[in-house]
Amino acid sequence: MMARWMHGSLMKALKGRVGKVMALSLALSVPLAPSFAAPGTAWPTAPITLIAPFSAGGGGDTLTRLYGQQLSQVLNVPIVVDNRPGAGGNIGTAFAAKAAPDGQTVVFGTMGTMGTNHFLYKRTGYSINDFEPVALFGTTGLALVVAKESPFKNVQELLAFGKQNPGKLSCASGGNGTASHLACAMLQQQAGIDVTHIPYKASSAAIVDVLTQRVSFFIDVTPVLTPQIKDGALRALAVSTKKRLPVLPAIPTLAESGLADYEMFSWDGMFAPKGTPADRLDKLHKAIQTVLKNPEFKQRMMERGVVLQAMSRQEFGALVLSEYSRMGVVVKRLGVTVD
């Protein structure tokens, strides 16, 4: 079932966008960096810093640590996760852009930090051209959840309440500029209701307020929410992708629930500072492919709602360019700004 979904509408759409901009990516976005490593040098021999531009305990941080643990085993060196949160991931990503281009510092990049943020913020402190795309990790759907004690049993009831009580619904997000934030804005626009957006510095804090019903509902990536959904603390009303997620097969999509055009997903990957030697980029890419093909890890991530996807460095660079353009259109259509 997982394989069928992975090659379904979501990955098909990604692959289609990759193909359309592949030539442009090769020409502009992903020139192969020159190799400066001495012949025969066994790299890496020292710990690699993986910057997580998000707060500890959030969805991005959780995924960063899961991938970092696996990469450490493949590369046989410690992967040190360095949390540098703030401004929707801009602070940590800008820090990474200025790091020495030697492969010793890399950053966990997302649809937000490498796409959305550049249209939400007046200044991010970096450009996508400041980085070498290393590898895609995977794509992730989002889920709309409420507390188990919530009166809302489905999306239709939630939206009906919102229409009858303008301004009384509140949507928590994992922070300004995140996929979670855009998901709230998209729901509000497509449903034609007035919803108060409440951004949190970390998804864990948002979950606490949803559980106590201080906030009406929460939309966030499934790796953050799946444990609470499965143990019954949170009730999932819908998922954000066009097709149902294998991890939550009984949960309808928002499109099924009355918002026919609703689709939102996130993706993440590894990036290195521009100018990082090609042989080191290739070694990182190869290590990531080994992680993605690990059956046990693949199953573990599937259970969290993450679809792992292998791509070449060039394909990933094309995807980044395509998603940058796509999210620019989405943000402008939603009219969302942060500053």
C-alpha atoms as a PDB file:
ATOM      1  CA  MET A   1       0.000   0.000   0.000  1.00  0.00           C
ATOM      2  CA  MET A   2       2.860   2.352   0.866  1.00  0.00           C
ATOM      3  CA  ALA A   3       4.516   1.879  -2.509  1.00  0.00           C
ATOM      4  CA  ARG A   4       1.253   2.524  -4.344  1.00  0.00           C
ATOM      5  CA  TRP A   5       0.663   5.760  -2.455  1.00  0.00           C
ATOM      6  CA  MET A   6       4.248   6.936  -2.794  1.00  0.00           C
ATOM      7  CA  HIS A   7       3.978   6.713  -6.567  1.00  0.00           C
ATOM      8  CA  GLY A   8       0.510   8.282  -6.482  1.00  0.00           C
ATOM      9  CA  SER A   9      -0.539  11.878  -6.926  1.00  0.00           C
ATOM     10  CA  LEU A  10       1.894  13.414  -4.432  1.00  0.00           C
ATOM     11  CA  MET A  11       5.143  11.968  -5.733  1.00  0.00           C
ATOM     12  CA  LYS A  12       3.863  12.075  -9.294  1.00  0.00           C
ATOM     13  CA  ALA A  13       3.341  15.801  -8.925  1.00  0.00           C
ATOM     14  CA  LEU A  14       6.798  16.254  -7.438  1.00  0.00           C
ATOM     15  CA  LYS A  15       8.436  14.229 -10.191  1.00  0.00           C
ATOM     16  CA  GLY A  16       6.518  16.189 -12.807  1.00  0.00           C
ATOM     17  CA  ARG A  17       7.753  19.501 -11.449  1.00  0.00           C
ATOM     18  CA  VAL A  18      11.283  18.117 -11.217  1.00  0.00           C
ATOM     19  CA  GLY A  19      11.241  17.149 -14.882  1.00  0.00           C
ATOM     20  CA  LYS A  20      10.022  20.559 -16.008  1.00  0.00           C
ATOM     21  CA  VAL A  21      12.839  22.466 -14.354  1.00  0.00           C
ATOM     22  CA  MET A  22      15.620  19.858 -14.508  1.00  0.00           C
ATOM     23  CA  ALA A  23      17.548  21.618 -17.254  1.00  0.00           C
ATOM     24  CA  LEU A  24      17.266  24.986 -15.508  1.00  0.00           C
ATOM     25  CA  SER A  25      18.405  23.432 -12.249  1.00  0.00           C
ATOM     26  CA  LEU A  26      21.470  21.911 -13.837  1.00  0.00           C
ATOM     27  CA  ALA A  27      22.352  25.238 -15.406  1.00  0.00           C
ATOM     28  CA  LEU A  28      21.650  27.517 -12.454  1.00  0.00           C
ATOM     29  CA  SER A  29      20.935  25.814  -9.175  1.00  0.00           C
ATOM     30  CA  VAL A  30      23.118  22.774  -8.815  1.00  0.00           C
ATOM     31  CA  PRO A  31      26.474  23.239 -10.515  1.00  0.00           C
ATOM     32  CA  LEU A  32      28.772  20.496  -9.323  1.00  0.00           C
ATOM     33  CA  ALA A  33      31.113  22.070  -6.826  1.00  0.00           C
ATOM     34  CA  PRO A  34      34.842  21.577  -7.362  1.00  0.00           C
ATOM     35  CA  SER A  35      36.549  19.009  -5.158  1.00  0.00           C
ATOM     36  CA  PHE A  36      39.203  20.394  -2.819  1.00  0.00           C
ATOM     37  CA  ALA A  37      39.690  17.298  -0.678  1.00  0.00           C
ATOM     38  CA  ALA A  38      43.102  15.705  -0.898  1.00  0.00           C
ATOM     39  CA  PRO A  39      43.147  12.409  -2.849  1.00  0.00           C
ATOM     40  CA  GLY A  40      42.692   9.428  -0.590  1.00  0.00           C
ATOM     41  CA  THR A  41      41.431  11.497   2.348  1.00  0.00           C
ATOM     42  CA  ALA A  42      39.004   9.457   4.402  1.00  0.00           C
ATOM     43  CA  TRP A  43      36.246  11.949   5.071  1.00  0.00           C
ATOM     44  CA  PRO A  44      34.521  12.437   7.425  1.00  0.00           C
ATOM     45  CA  THR A  45      36.780  11.860  10.397  1.00  0.00           C
ATOM     46  CA  ALA A  46      35.241  14.429  12.769  1.00  0.00           C
ATOM     47  CA  PRO A  47      31.700  15.071  14.028  1.00  0.00           C
ATOM     48  CA  ILE A  48      29.341  16.735  11.544  1.00  0.00           C
ATOM     49  CA  THR A  49      27.051  19.491  12.767  1.00  0.00           C
ATOM     50  CA  LEU A  50      23.479  19.216  11.518  1.00  0.00           C
ATOM     51  CA  ILE A  51      21.654  22.462  12.172  1.00  0.00           C
ATOM     52  CA  ALA A  52      17.982  22.156  13.081  1.00  0.00           C
ATOM     53  CA  PRO A  53      16.572  25.665  12.586  1.00  0.00           C
ATOM     54  CA  PHE A  54      13.682  24.883  14.914  1.00  0.00           C
ATOM     55  CA  SER A  55      13.019  24.536  18.630  1.00  0.00           C
ATOM     56  CA  ALA A  56      13.701  21.254  20.378  1.00  0.00           C
ATOM     57  CA  GLY A  57      10.618  19.064  20.527  1.00  0.00           C
ATOM     58  CA  GLY A  58       9.013  20.323  17.337  1.00  0.00           C
ATOM     59  CA  GLY A  59       8.337  18.379  14.161  1.00  0.00           C
ATOM     60  CA  GLY A  60      11.437  19.585  12.336  1.00  0.00           C
ATOM     61  CA  ASP A  61      13.648  18.861  15.326  1.00  0.00           C
ATOM     62  CA  THR A  62      12.194  15.368  15.725  1.00  0.00           C
ATOM     63  CA  LEU A  63      12.873  14.486  12.103  1.00  0.00           C
ATOM     64  CA  THR A  64      16.338  16.052  12.166  1.00  0.00           C
ATOM     65  CA  ARG A  65      17.323  13.827  15.086  1.00  0.00           C
ATOM     66  CA  LEU A  66      15.873  10.687  13.521  1.00  0.00           C
ATOM     67  CA  TYR A  67      17.830  11.231  10.308  1.00  0.00           C
ATOM     68  CA  GLY A  68      20.930  12.312  12.206  1.00  0.00           C
ATOM     69  CA  GLN A  69      20.986   9.112  14.252  1.00  0.00           C
ATOM     70  CA  GLN A  70      20.833   6.992  11.120  1.00  0.00           C
ATOM     71  CA  LEU A  71      23.462   9.021   9.260  1.00  0.00           C
ATOM     72  CA  SER A  72      25.815   8.756  12.206  1.00  0.00           C
ATOM     73  CA  GLN A  73      25.720   4.960  11.891  1.00  0.00           C
ATOM     74  CA  VAL A  74      26.348   5.053   8.139  1.00  0.00           C
ATOM     75  CA  LEU A  75      29.150   7.644   8.211  1.00  0.00           C
ATOM     76  CA  ASN A  76      30.636   6.314  11.461  1.00  0.00           C
ATOM     77  CA  VAL A  77      31.002   9.776  12.984  1.00  0.00           C
ATOM     78  CA  PRO A  78      28.763  11.636  15.445  1.00  0.00           C
ATOM     79  CA  ILE A  79      26.062  13.837  13.918  1.00  0.00           C
ATOM     80  CA  VAL A  80      25.617  16.716  16.357  1.00  0.00           C
ATOM     81  CA  VAL A  81      22.186  18.360  16.118  1.00  0.00           C
ATOM     82  CA  ASP A  82      22.444  22.091  16.798  1.00  0.00           C
ATOM     83  CA  ASN A  83      19.089  23.783  17.443  1.00  0.00           C
ATOM     84  CA  ARG A  84      19.038  27.399  16.238  1.00  0.00           C
ATOM     85  CA  PRO A  85      15.353  28.366  16.169  1.00  0.00           C
ATOM     86  CA  GLY A  86      13.676  31.618  15.262  1.00  0.00           C
ATOM     87  CA  ALA A  87      11.843  33.440  12.469  1.00  0.00           C
ATOM     88  CA  GLY A  88      10.293  30.301  11.019  1.00  0.00           C
ATOM     89  CA  GLY A  89      13.678  28.652  10.580  1.00  0.00           C
ATOM     90  CA  ASN A  90      15.402  31.679   9.048  1.00  0.00           C
ATOM     91  CA  ILE A  91      17.888  32.256  11.872  1.00  0.00           C
ATOM     92  CA  GLY A  92      19.387  28.778  11.842  1.00  0.00           C
ATOM     93  CA  THR A  93      19.363  28.551   8.061  1.00  0.00           C
ATOM     94  CA  ALA A  94      21.092  31.921   7.707  1.00  0.00           C
ATOM     95  CA  PHE A  95      23.706  30.732  10.197  1.00  0.00           C
ATOM     96  CA  ALA A  96      24.297  27.615   8.118  1.00  0.00           C
ATOM     97  CA  ALA A  97      24.696  29.674   4.955  1.00  0.00           C
ATOM     98  CA  LYS A  98      27.700  31.413   6.516  1.00  0.00           C
ATOM     99  CA  ALA A  99      29.382  28.212   7.730  1.00  0.00           C
ATOM    100  CA  ALA A 100      32.627  27.009   6.179  1.00  0.00           C
ATOM    101  CA  PRO A 101      31.869  25.087   2.957  1.00  0.00           C
ATOM    102  CA  ASP A 102      33.714  21.954   4.000  1.00  0.00           C
ATOM    103  CA  GLY A 103      30.893  19.506   4.645  1.00  0.00           C
ATOM    104  CA  GLN A 104      31.301  19.697   8.423  1.00  0.00           C
ATOM    105  CA  THR A 105      28.190  21.854   8.795  1.00  0.00           C
ATOM    106  CA  VAL A 106      24.924  21.038   7.054  1.00  0.00           C
ATOM    107  CA  VAL A 107      21.341  22.113   7.664  1.00  0.00           C
ATOM    108  CA  PHE A 108      17.947  20.465   7.761  1.00  0.00           C
ATOM    109  CA  GLY A 109      15.986  22.325   5.099  1.00  0.00           C
ATOM    110  CA  THR A 110      12.246  22.363   4.527  1.00  0.00           C
ATOM    111  CA  MET A 111       9.623  23.628   2.136  1.00  0.00           C
ATOM    112  CA  GLY A 112       9.410  26.608   4.495  1.00  0.00           C
ATOM    113  CA  THR A 113      13.053  27.566   4.817  1.00  0.00           C
ATOM    114  CA  MET A 114      13.849  26.910   1.156  1.00  0.00           C
ATOM    115  CA  GLY A 115      10.588  28.179  -0.287  1.00  0.00           C
ATOM    116  CA  THR A 116       7.731  29.707   1.644  1.00  0.00           C
ATOM    117  CA  ASN A 117       9.747  31.969   3.942  1.00  0.00           C
ATOM    118  CA  HIS A 118      11.169  33.943   1.032  1.00  0.00           C
ATOM    119  CA  PHE A 119       7.653  35.152   0.248  1.00  0.00           C
ATOM    120  CA  LEU A 120       6.446  35.558   3.838  1.00  0.00           C
ATOM    121  CA  TYR A 121       9.358  37.573   5.237  1.00  0.00           C
ATOM    122  CA  LYS A 122      10.826  40.803   3.876  1.00  0.00           C
ATOM    123  CA  ARG A 123      14.288  39.473   4.698  1.00  0.00           C
ATOM    124  CA  THR A 124      15.355  35.932   5.487  1.00  0.00           C
ATOM    125  CA  GLY A 125      19.101  36.563   5.794  1.00  0.00           C
ATOM    126  CA  TYR A 126      19.970  34.067   3.056  1.00  0.00           C
ATOM    127  CA  SER A 127      19.084  32.927  -0.442  1.00  0.00           C
ATOM    128  CA  ILE A 128      18.430  29.417  -1.730  1.00  0.00           C
ATOM    129  CA  ASN A 129      21.452  30.067  -3.957  1.00  0.00           C
ATOM    130  CA  ASP A 130      23.612  30.128  -0.799  1.00  0.00           C
ATOM    131  CA  PHE A 131      23.260  26.348  -0.576  1.00  0.00           C
ATOM    132  CA  GLU A 132      24.120  23.117  -2.324  1.00  0.00           C
ATOM    133  CA  PRO A 133      21.113  20.740  -2.288  1.00  0.00           C
ATOM    134  CA  VAL A 134      22.422  17.431  -0.912  1.00  0.00           C
ATOM    135  CA  ALA A 135      19.430  15.081  -0.772  1.00  0.00           C
ATOM    136  CA  LEU A 136      15.703  14.884  -0.279  1.00  0.00           C
ATOM    137  CA  PHE A 137      14.675  13.010   2.847  1.00  0.00           C
ATOM    138  CA  GLY A 138      10.952  12.660   2.279  1.00  0.00           C
ATOM    139  CA  THR A 139       7.500  14.178   2.029  1.00  0.00           C
ATOM    140  CA  THR A 140       5.000  14.503   4.829  1.00  0.00           C
ATOM    141  CA  GLY A 141       1.280  15.079   5.027  1.00  0.00           C
ATOM    142  CA  LEU A 142      -0.434  17.124   7.717  1.00  0.00           C
ATOM    143  CA  ALA A 143      -3.376  16.253   9.933  1.00  0.00           C
ATOM    144  CA  LEU A 144      -6.123  18.404  11.424  1.00  0.00           C
ATOM    145  CA  VAL A 145      -6.662  17.382  15.031  1.00  0.00           C
ATOM    146  CA  VAL A 146      -8.798  18.327  18.003  1.00  0.00           C
ATOM    147  CA  ALA A 147      -8.812  17.149  21.614  1.00  0.00           C
ATOM    148  CA  LYS A 148     -10.582  13.869  22.259  1.00  0.00           C
ATOM    149  CA  GLU A 149     -13.122  15.807  24.372  1.00  0.00           C
ATOM    150  CA  SER A 150     -13.800  18.300  21.560  1.00  0.00           C
ATOM    151  CA  PRO A 151     -17.423  18.569  20.423  1.00  0.00           C
ATOM    152  CA  PHE A 152     -16.278  18.386  16.796  1.00  0.00           C
ATOM    153  CA  LYS A 153     -16.485  14.847  15.435  1.00  0.00           C
ATOM    154  CA  ASN A 154     -15.681  15.732  11.814  1.00  0.00           C
ATOM    155  CA  VAL A 155     -14.606  18.611   9.605  1.00  0.00           C
ATOM    156  CA  GLN A 156     -18.161  19.394   8.558  1.00  0.00           C
ATOM    157  CA  GLU A 157     -19.152  20.097  12.166  1.00  0.00           C
ATOM    158  CA  LEU A 158     -16.045  22.246  12.679  1.00  0.00           C
ATOM    159  CA  LEU A 159     -16.720  24.343   9.578  1.00  0.00           C
ATOM    160  CA  ALA A 160     -20.429  24.674  10.341  1.00  0.00           C
ATOM    161  CA  PHE A 161     -19.553  26.057  13.780  1.00  0.00           C
ATOM    162  CA  GLY A 162     -17.058  28.454  12.196  1.00  0.00           C
ATOM    163  CA  LYS A 163     -19.643  29.821   9.788  1.00  0.00           C
ATOM    164  CA  GLN A 164     -22.229  30.278  12.509  1.00  0.00           C
ATOM    165  CA  ASN A 165     -19.736  31.782  14.999  1.00  0.00           C
ATOM    166  CA  PRO A 166     -17.280  34.055  13.129  1.00  0.00           C
ATOM    167  CA  GLY A 167     -13.988  34.537  14.953  1.00  0.00           C
ATOM    168  CA  LYS A 168     -14.620  31.914  17.631  1.00  0.00           C
ATOM    169  CA  LEU A 169     -12.472  29.181  16.095  1.00  0.00           C
ATOM    170  CA  SER A 170      -8.705  29.222  16.623  1.00  0.00           C
ATOM    171  CA  CYS A 171      -6.094  27.281  14.683  1.00  0.00           C
ATOM    172  CA  ALA A 172      -2.746  26.489  16.282  1.00  0.00           C
ATOM    173  CA  SER A 173       0.329  26.193  14.091  1.00  0.00           C
ATOM    174  CA  GLY A 174       3.936  25.165  14.604  1.00  0.00           C
ATOM    175  CA  GLY A 175       5.042  28.747  13.957  1.00  0.00           C
ATOM    176  CA  ASN A 176       4.820  31.600  11.479  1.00  0.00           C
ATOM    177  CA  GLY A 177       5.872  30.580   7.996  1.00  0.00           C
ATOM    178  CA  THR A 178       5.564  26.842   8.565  1.00  0.00           C
ATOM    179  CA  ALA A 179       3.488  24.451   6.469  1.00  0.00           C
ATOM    180  CA  SER A 180       1.257  24.320   9.520  1.00  0.00           C
ATOM    181  CA  HIS A 181       0.669  28.089   9.290  1.00  0.00           C
ATOM    182  CA  LEU A 182      -0.152  27.930   5.582  1.00  0.00           C
ATOM    183  CA  ALA A 183      -2.470  24.992   6.187  1.00  0.00           C
ATOM    184  CA  CYS A 184      -4.506  27.109   8.630  1.00  0.00           C
ATOM    185  CA  ALA A 185      -4.658  29.994   6.145  1.00  0.00           C
ATOM    186  CA  MET A 186      -5.679  27.696   3.300  1.00  0.00           C
ATOM    187  CA  LEU A 187      -8.477  26.171   5.356  1.00  0.00           C
ATOM    188  CA  GLN A 188      -9.767  29.606   6.333  1.00  0.00           C
ATOM    189  CA  GLN A 189      -9.742  30.822   2.724  1.00  0.00           C
ATOM    190  CA  GLN A 190     -11.287  27.763   1.131  1.00  0.00           C
ATOM    191  CA  ALA A 191     -13.932  27.301   3.832  1.00  0.00           C
ATOM    192  CA  GLY A 192     -14.792  31.016   3.893  1.00  0.00           C
ATOM    193  CA  ILE A 193     -14.637  31.256   7.671  1.00  0.00           C
ATOM    194  CA  ASP A 194     -12.933  33.572  10.140  1.00  0.00           C
ATOM    195  CA  VAL A 195     -10.288  31.671  12.119  1.00  0.00           C
ATOM    196  CA  THR A 196      -7.767  33.126  14.570  1.00  0.00           C
ATOM    197  CA  HIS A 197      -4.258  31.858  13.823  1.00  0.00           C
ATOM    198  CA  ILE A 198      -2.169  31.177  16.942  1.00  0.00           C
ATOM    199  CA  PRO A 199       1.499  30.418  16.171  1.00  0.00           C
ATOM    200  CA  TYR A 200       3.640  28.546  18.691  1.00  0.00           C
ATOM    201  CA  LYS A 201       7.405  28.372  18.999  1.00  0.00           C
ATOM    202  CA  ALA A 202       7.209  24.591  19.179  1.00  0.00           C
ATOM    203  CA  SER A 203       4.586  22.055  18.189  1.00  0.00           C
ATOM    204  CA  SER A 204       4.776  20.473  21.636  1.00  0.00           C
ATOM    205  CA  ALA A 205       3.406  23.677  23.205  1.00  0.00           C
ATOM    206  CA  ALA A 206       0.597  23.818  20.650  1.00  0.00           C
ATOM    207  CA  ILE A 207      -0.395  20.231  21.442  1.00  0.00           C
ATOM    208  CA  VAL A 208      -0.711  21.066  25.144  1.00  0.00           C
ATOM    209  CA  ASP A 209      -3.139  23.893  24.390  1.00  0.00           C
ATOM    210  CA  VAL A 210      -5.168  21.754  21.992  1.00  0.00           C
ATOM    211  CA  LEU A 211      -5.405  18.965  24.570  1.00  0.00           C
ATOM    212  CA  THR A 212      -6.750  21.455  27.135  1.00  0.00           C
ATOM    213  CA  GLN A 213      -9.011  23.020  24.451  1.00  0.00           C
ATOM    214  CA  ARG A 214      -7.518  26.468  24.835  1.00  0.00           C
ATOM    215  CA  VAL A 215      -7.219  26.254  21.056  1.00  0.00           C
ATOM    216  CA  SER A 216      -9.944  24.815  18.815  1.00  0.00           C
ATOM    217  CA  PHE A 217      -7.775  22.742  16.491  1.00  0.00           C
ATOM    218  CA  PHE A 218      -4.254  22.184  15.269  1.00  0.00           C
ATOM    219  CA  ILE A 219      -2.870  21.363  11.828  1.00  0.00           C
ATOM    220  CA  ASP A 220       0.662  20.003  11.724  1.00  0.00           C
ATOM    221  CA  VAL A 221       2.840  17.349  10.112  1.00  0.00           C
ATOM    222  CA  THR A 222       1.937  13.781  10.948  1.00  0.00           C
ATOM    223  CA  PRO A 223       5.273  12.789  12.589  1.00  0.00           C
ATOM    224  CA  VAL A 224       4.420  15.215  15.401  1.00  0.00           C
ATOM    225  CA  LEU A 225       0.788  14.193  15.792  1.00  0.00           C
ATOM    226  CA  THR A 226       0.633  10.470  15.030  1.00  0.00           C
ATOM    227  CA  PRO A 227       1.645   9.235  18.537  1.00  0.00           C
ATOM    228  CA  GLN A 228      -1.098  11.312  20.210  1.00  0.00           C
ATOM    229  CA  ILE A 229      -3.632  10.293  17.565  1.00  0.00           C
ATOM    230  CA  LYS A 230      -2.876   6.597  18.006  1.00  0.00           C
ATOM    231  CA  ASP A 231      -3.043   6.731  21.799  1.00  0.00           C
ATOM    232  CA  GLY A 232      -6.381   8.540  21.625  1.00  0.00           C
ATOM    233  CA  ALA A 233      -5.356  11.862  23.167  1.00  0.00           C
ATOM    234  CA  LEU A 234      -6.020  13.693  19.902  1.00  0.00           C
ATOM    235  CA  ARG A 235      -8.818  13.073  17.419  1.00  0.00           C
ATOM    236  CA  ALA A 236      -7.825  13.396  13.775  1.00  0.00           C
ATOM    237  CA  LEU A 237     -10.599  14.864  11.652  1.00  0.00           C
ATOM    238  CA  ALA A 238      -8.804  14.972   8.298  1.00  0.00           C
ATOM    239  CA  VAL A 239      -5.488  14.875   6.489  1.00  0.00           C
ATOM    240  CA  SER A 240      -4.178  17.506   4.106  1.00  0.00           C
ATOM    241  CA  THR A 241      -3.054  15.390   1.152  1.00  0.00           C
ATOM    242  CA  LYS A 242      -5.117  14.536  -1.929  1.00  0.00           C
ATOM    243  CA  LYS A 243      -5.188  10.854  -0.988  1.00  0.00           C
ATOM    244  CA  ARG A 244      -5.524   9.260   2.431  1.00  0.00           C
ATOM    245  CA  LEU A 245      -2.328   8.508   4.289  1.00  0.00           C
ATOM    246  CA  PRO A 246      -1.271   4.886   4.895  1.00  0.00           C
ATOM    247  CA  VAL A 247      -0.473   5.746   8.499  1.00  0.00           C
ATOM    248  CA  LEU A 248      -4.065   7.004   9.050  1.00  0.00           C
ATOM    249  CA  PRO A 249      -6.113   5.083   6.483  1.00  0.00           C
ATOM    250  CA  ALA A 250      -9.469   5.646   8.219  1.00  0.00           C
ATOM    251  CA  ILE A 251      -9.064   9.427   8.310  1.00  0.00           C
ATOM    252  CA  PRO A 252     -10.615  11.289   5.353  1.00  0.00           C
ATOM    253  CA  THR A 253      -8.871  14.010   3.423  1.00  0.00           C
ATOM    254  CA  LEU A 254      -9.949  17.633   3.659  1.00  0.00           C
ATOM    255  CA  ALA A 255     -10.893  17.340  -0.007  1.00  0.00           C
ATOM    256  CA  GLU A 256     -13.255  14.475   0.884  1.00  0.00           C
ATOM    257  CA  SER A 257     -14.610  16.568   3.744  1.00  0.00           C
ATOM    258  CA  GLY A 258     -15.918  19.370   1.560  1.00  0.00           C
ATOM    259  CA  LEU A 259     -12.850  21.418   0.608  1.00  0.00           C
ATOM    260  CA  ALA A 260     -12.394  19.987  -2.880  1.00  0.00           C
ATOM    261  CA  ASP A 261      -9.255  21.921  -3.797  1.00  0.00           C
ATOM    262  CA  TYR A 262      -7.428  21.480  -0.500  1.00  0.00           C
ATOM    263  CA  GLU A 263      -3.934  20.003  -0.671  1.00  0.00           C
ATOM    264  CA  MET A 264      -0.944  20.721   1.539  1.00  0.00           C
ATOM    265  CA  PHE A 265       2.182  18.707   2.232  1.00  0.00           C
ATOM    266  CA  SER A 266       5.695  19.379   3.380  1.00  0.00           C
ATOM    267  CA  TRP A 267       9.078  18.064   2.329  1.00  0.00           C
ATOM    268  CA  ASP A 268      12.524  18.170   3.871  1.00  0.00           C
ATOM    269  CA  GLY A 269      16.117  17.446   2.979  1.00  0.00           C
ATOM    270  CA  MET A 270      19.752  18.234   3.642  1.00  0.00           C
ATOM    271  CA  PHE A 271      21.604  21.304   2.373  1.00  0.00           C
ATOM    272  CA  ALA A 272      25.254  22.334   2.603  1.00  0.00           C
ATOM    273  CA  PRO A 273      26.847  25.788   2.267  1.00  0.00           C
ATOM    274  CA  LYS A 274      27.574  26.841  -1.312  1.00  0.00           C
ATOM    275  CA  GLY A 275      31.020  25.754  -2.430  1.00  0.00           C
ATOM    276  CA  THR A 276      31.137  22.529  -0.412  1.00  0.00           C
ATOM    277  CA  PRO A 277      33.387  20.098  -2.357  1.00  0.00           C
ATOM    278  CA  ALA A 278      31.530  17.796  -4.737  1.00  0.00           C
ATOM    279  CA  ASP A 279      33.074  14.627  -3.350  1.00  0.00           C
ATOM    280  CA  ARG A 280      31.801  15.483   0.130  1.00  0.00           C
ATOM    281  CA  LEU A 281      28.339  16.329  -1.193  1.00  0.00           C
ATOM    282  CA  ASP A 282      28.324  13.014  -3.025  1.00  0.00           C
ATOM    283  CA  LYS A 283      29.382  11.120   0.092  1.00  0.00           C
ATOM    284  CA  LEU A 284      26.619  12.749   2.133  1.00  0.00           C
ATOM    285  CA  HIS A 285      24.114  12.017  -0.615  1.00  0.00           C
ATOM    286  CA  LYS A 286      25.188   8.379  -0.820  1.00  0.00           C
ATOM    287  CA  ALA A 287      24.920   8.003   2.961  1.00  0.00           C
ATOM    288  CA  ILE A 288      21.410   9.441   2.924  1.00  0.00           C
ATOM    289  CA  GLN A 289      20.349   7.034   0.170  1.00  0.00           C
ATOM    290  CA  THR A 290      21.594   4.170   2.352  1.00  0.00           C
ATOM    291  CA  VAL A 291      19.438   5.466   5.208  1.00  0.00           C
ATOM    292  CA  LEU A 292      16.376   5.864   2.982  1.00  0.00           C
ATOM    293  CA  LYS A 293      16.686   2.286   1.709  1.00  0.00           C
ATOM    294  CA  ASN A 294      16.930   0.755   5.181  1.00  0.00           C
ATOM    295  CA  PRO A 295      13.718  -1.360   5.444  1.00  0.00           C
ATOM    296  CA  GLU A 296      13.477  -1.033   9.221  1.00  0.00           C
ATOM    297  CA  PHE A 297      13.904   2.749   9.135  1.00  0.00           C
ATOM    298  CA  LYS A 298      11.527   3.020   6.179  1.00  0.00           C
ATOM    299  CA  GLN A 299       8.852   1.211   8.155  1.00  0.00           C
ATOM    300  CA  ARG A 300       9.524   3.356  11.216  1.00  0.00           C
ATOM    301  CA  MET A 301       9.094   6.543   9.201  1.00  0.00           C
ATOM    302  CA  MET A 302       6.013   5.231   7.401  1.00  0.00           C
ATOM    303  CA  GLU A 303       4.410   4.698  10.795  1.00  0.00           C
ATOM    304  CA  ARG A 304       5.003   8.391  11.447  1.00  0.00           C
ATOM    305  CA  GLY A 305       3.483   9.419   8.119  1.00  0.00           C
ATOM    306  CA  VAL A 306       6.710  10.186   6.253  1.00  0.00           C
ATOM    307  CA  VAL A 307       7.213   8.973   2.682  1.00  0.00           C
ATOM    308  CA  LEU A 308      10.942   8.519   2.089  1.00  0.00           C
ATOM    309  CA  GLN A 309      11.997   9.322  -1.470  1.00  0.00           C
ATOM    310  CA  ALA A 310      15.324   8.737  -3.220  1.00  0.00           C
ATOM    311  CA  MET A 311      16.489  11.391  -5.702  1.00  0.00           C
ATOM    312  CA  SER A 312      19.768  12.359  -7.297  1.00  0.00           C
ATOM    313  CA  ARG A 313      21.368  15.625  -6.235  1.00  0.00           C
ATOM    314  CA  GLN A 314      20.371  17.164  -9.556  1.00  0.00           C
ATOM    315  CA  GLU A 315      16.756  16.028  -9.197  1.00  0.00           C
ATOM    316  CA  PHE A 316      16.611  17.443  -5.697  1.00  0.00           C
ATOM    317  CA  GLY A 317      17.998  20.753  -6.922  1.00  0.00           C
ATOM    318  CA  ALA A 318      15.280  20.846  -9.579  1.00  0.00           C
ATOM    319  CA  LEU A 319      12.646  20.097  -6.952  1.00  0.00           C
ATOM    320  CA  VAL A 320      13.866  22.966  -4.767  1.00  0.00           C
ATOM    321  CA  LEU A 321      13.564  25.419  -7.667  1.00  0.00           C
ATOM    322  CA  SER A 322      10.121  24.118  -8.572  1.00  0.00           C
ATOM    323  CA  GLU A 323       8.836  24.262  -4.996  1.00  0.00           C
ATOM    324  CA  TYR A 324      10.266  27.754  -4.528  1.00  0.00           C
ATOM    325  CA  SER A 325       8.165  28.968  -7.461  1.00  0.00           C
ATOM    326  CA  ARG A 326       5.078  26.991  -6.427  1.00  0.00           C
ATOM    327  CA  MET A 327       5.081  28.257  -2.850  1.00  0.00           C
ATOM    328  CA  GLY A 328       5.491  31.831  -4.059  1.00  0.00           C
ATOM    329  CA  VAL A 329       2.206  31.446  -5.922  1.00  0.00           C
ATOM    330  CA  VAL A 330       0.503  29.801  -2.911  1.00  0.00           C
ATOM    331  CA  VAL A 331       1.589  32.489  -0.443  1.00  0.00           C
ATOM    332  CA  LYS A 332       0.501  35.322  -2.729  1.00  0.00           C
ATOM    333  CA  ARG A 333      -2.875  33.679  -3.327  1.00  0.00           C
ATOM    334  CA  LEU A 334      -3.449  33.247   0.412  1.00  0.00           C
ATOM    335  CA  GLY A 335      -2.291  36.792   1.155  1.00  0.00           C
ATOM    336  CA  VAL A 336      -0.226  35.616   4.131  1.00  0.00           C
ATOM    337  CA  THR A 337       2.641  37.741   5.472  1.00  0.00           C
ATOM    338  CA  VAL A 338       4.755  37.601   8.617  1.00  0.00           C
ATOM    339  CA  ASP A 339       6.487  40.978   8.660  1.00  0.00           C
END
